[in-house]
Protein backbone atom coordinates (compact mmCIF):
# COMPACT_ATOMS: atom_id res chain seq x y z
CA MET A 1 -35.22 -6.80 -7.61
CA SER A 2 -31.70 -7.85 -7.08
CA GLU A 3 -29.17 -6.91 -4.23
CA LYS A 4 -25.50 -5.13 -4.46
CA ALA A 5 -23.12 -7.39 -3.59
CA HIS A 6 -21.24 -6.04 -0.49
CA LYS A 7 -17.53 -5.85 -1.80
CA ILE A 8 -14.52 -5.83 0.47
CA ASN A 9 -10.84 -4.47 -0.80
CA CYS A 10 -7.85 -5.16 1.11
CA LEU A 11 -4.48 -3.41 0.98
CA GLY A 12 -1.68 -6.25 2.04
CA PHE A 13 2.06 -6.91 1.98
CA ILE A 14 3.77 -10.16 2.32
CA ASN A 15 7.09 -10.06 3.87
CA ARG A 16 9.68 -12.63 2.94
CA GLN A 17 9.15 -15.51 6.43
CA SER A 18 5.57 -15.07 4.46
CA LYS A 19 4.07 -13.28 7.23
CA CYS A 20 1.08 -10.70 5.82
CA TYR A 21 0.07 -6.99 7.08
CA TRP A 22 -3.13 -6.43 5.79
CA LYS A 23 -6.03 -3.61 6.15
CA THR A 24 -9.57 -4.35 4.30
CA THR A 25 -12.16 -1.50 3.50
CA LYS A 26 -15.64 -1.36 1.80
CA GLN A 27 -14.67 2.09 0.14
CA PRO A 28 -12.10 1.69 -2.94
CA ILE A 29 -8.79 1.63 -2.51
CA ASP A 30 -7.30 5.28 -3.01
CA ALA A 31 -4.75 7.28 -2.31
CA GLY A 32 -5.49 8.35 0.94
CA PHE A 33 -6.18 5.08 2.37
CA ILE A 34 -2.34 3.90 1.00
CA LEU A 35 -1.29 6.79 2.49
CA GLU A 36 -3.28 6.30 5.98
CA TYR A 37 -2.01 2.58 5.97
CA MET A 38 1.80 3.09 4.37
CA GLU A 39 2.21 5.94 7.50
CA GLU A 40 0.87 3.01 10.07
CA PHE A 41 3.07 0.81 8.68
CA SER A 42 5.99 2.96 8.83
CA PHE A 43 5.62 3.44 12.42
CA GLN A 44 5.83 -0.97 13.22
CA ILE A 45 8.90 -1.71 10.95
CA GLN A 46 11.83 -3.22 12.90
CA LYS A 47 14.81 -2.75 9.94
CA GLU A 48 14.81 -1.64 6.77
CA THR A 49 11.94 -1.84 4.35
CA CYS A 50 11.10 -2.03 0.98
CA ILE A 51 7.53 -2.41 -0.49
CA VAL A 52 7.74 -3.04 -4.67
CA LEU A 53 4.43 -1.62 -6.39
CA ASP A 54 3.59 -1.00 -9.67
CA ASN A 55 3.15 1.62 -11.86
CA ALA A 56 -0.54 2.37 -10.99
CA LYS A 57 -1.53 6.02 -10.82
CA VAL A 58 -2.81 5.38 -7.06
CA HIS A 59 0.52 4.22 -6.24
CA LYS A 60 2.56 7.45 -7.26
CA SER A 61 -0.13 10.25 -6.70
CA LYS A 62 0.97 13.22 -5.30
CA ILE A 63 0.21 12.74 -1.49
CA ILE A 64 2.33 9.41 -1.66
CA ARG A 65 5.34 11.08 -3.31
CA GLU A 66 4.86 13.73 -0.29
CA ARG A 67 5.55 11.51 2.33
CA LEU A 68 8.41 9.59 0.50
CA PRO A 69 10.89 11.54 2.87
CA TYR A 70 9.58 11.32 6.01
CA TRP A 71 8.99 6.87 5.69
CA GLN A 72 12.01 6.67 4.24
CA VAL A 73 14.03 8.19 7.64
CA ARG A 74 11.99 5.65 9.71
CA GLY A 75 13.42 2.52 7.09
CA LEU A 76 10.18 2.43 4.40
CA PHE A 77 11.52 2.90 1.28
CA LEU A 78 9.26 2.07 -1.86
CA PHE A 79 10.19 0.23 -5.37
CA PHE A 80 7.97 0.95 -8.34
CA SER A 81 8.38 -1.75 -10.87
CA PHE A 82 8.40 -0.75 -14.75
CA LEU A 83 5.39 -3.17 -15.04
CA ARG A 84 1.55 -2.47 -14.46
CA ILE A 85 0.31 -5.53 -12.52
CA ARG A 86 -3.23 -5.93 -12.87
CA HIS A 87 -4.30 -8.62 -10.82
CA ILE A 88 -2.48 -10.10 -7.92
């Protein structure tokens, strides 16, 4: 009998000074998880910040797009690369 492996997913950002900001979950990373972390992160930034994302559907979901104006007021901007990055 095989045992199902435990999997941990991680969403993270690295700044130009190599500081890492991250959050893990045992659940799949979906738009709701990304929204929750981006919301937390938007209150932590000290200066204007740009996050580069690929064009995955989850990154451009309706709930993410609806939140963009609020994050921009706080100085958080999203830039969508024209490429789809499969594995980083």
